Amino acid sequence: MTVFMFSLAGVPPTGGFIAKLDVFRALFQASLKSPGEQSSLYVLAVVSILMSLLGAYYYLRVEIGRAHV
């Protein structure tokens, strides 16, 4: 269960980290190719990163809480 939680949180070297890294990389590359939509793609990338951090906080809090039981 711990490995799955770390993967959902995007902790390296799990598959979740690699998937999130690919998504963020694609967002930044797309923002470079379309200058008209550049700011909206940057906003989307920043919001995605913040939501990933929030998810990591939740997943790791659940995992730590489960370890104390």
Protein backbone atom coordinates (compact mmCIF):
# COMPACT_ATOMS: atom_id res chain seq x y z
CA MET A 1 0.00 0.00 0.00
CA THR A 2 2.86 2.39 0.76
CA VAL A 3 4.35 2.02 -2.71
CA PHE A 4 0.96 2.80 -4.28
CA MET A 5 0.56 5.92 -2.15
CA PHE A 6 4.05 7.10 -3.08
CA SER A 7 3.26 6.50 -6.74
CA LEU A 8 0.03 8.50 -6.51
CA ALA A 9 1.93 11.29 -4.77
CA GLY A 10 4.51 11.31 -7.58
CA VAL A 11 7.56 10.42 -5.52
CA PRO A 12 10.58 9.45 -7.68
CA PRO A 13 11.34 6.78 -9.04
CA THR A 14 7.75 5.51 -9.19
CA GLY A 15 5.56 5.41 -12.26
CA GLY A 16 3.41 8.24 -10.94
CA PHE A 17 6.41 10.56 -10.90
CA ILE A 18 7.35 9.67 -14.47
CA ALA A 19 3.76 10.21 -15.65
CA LYS A 20 3.46 13.59 -13.93
CA LEU A 21 6.85 14.65 -15.25
CA ASP A 22 5.77 13.78 -18.81
CA VAL A 23 2.54 15.76 -18.44
CA PHE A 24 4.34 18.83 -17.09
CA ARG A 25 6.99 18.58 -19.79
CA ALA A 26 4.29 18.38 -22.49
CA LEU A 27 2.55 21.44 -21.03
CA PHE A 28 5.72 23.51 -21.08
CA GLN A 29 6.62 22.37 -24.59
CA ALA A 30 3.11 23.21 -25.81
CA SER A 31 3.38 26.66 -24.28
CA LEU A 32 6.59 27.27 -26.24
CA LYS A 33 4.94 26.23 -29.53
CA SER A 34 1.81 28.38 -29.17
CA PRO A 35 2.73 31.90 -28.02
CA GLY A 36 -0.92 33.05 -28.07
CA GLU A 37 -1.93 30.53 -25.41
CA GLN A 38 1.34 30.63 -23.52
CA SER A 39 0.05 32.31 -20.36
CA SER A 40 -2.96 30.01 -20.02
CA LEU A 41 -0.77 26.93 -20.38
CA TYR A 42 1.63 28.24 -17.75
CA VAL A 43 -1.31 28.82 -15.41
CA LEU A 44 -2.51 25.28 -16.09
CA ALA A 45 0.97 23.90 -15.35
CA VAL A 46 1.26 25.86 -12.09
CA VAL A 47 -2.22 24.79 -10.97
CA SER A 48 -1.37 21.18 -11.83
CA ILE A 49 1.83 21.32 -9.80
CA LEU A 50 -0.01 22.84 -6.83
CA MET A 51 -2.70 20.15 -7.02
CA SER A 52 0.02 17.48 -7.16
CA LEU A 53 1.56 18.91 -3.99
CA LEU A 54 -1.83 18.98 -2.30
CA GLY A 55 -2.45 15.38 -3.34
CA ALA A 56 0.99 14.34 -2.08
CA TYR A 57 0.24 15.96 1.28
CA TYR A 58 -3.05 14.06 1.52
CA TYR A 59 -1.67 10.69 0.39
CA LEU A 60 1.34 10.85 2.67
CA ARG A 61 -0.78 12.02 5.60
CA VAL A 62 -3.08 9.03 5.09
CA GLU A 63 -0.09 6.69 4.87
CA ILE A 64 1.56 8.09 8.01
CA GLY A 65 -1.74 7.91 9.87
CA ARG A 66 -2.18 4.32 8.78
CA ALA A 67 1.29 3.46 10.10
CA HIS A 68 0.39 4.70 13.59
CA VAL A 69 -2.65 2.44 13.88
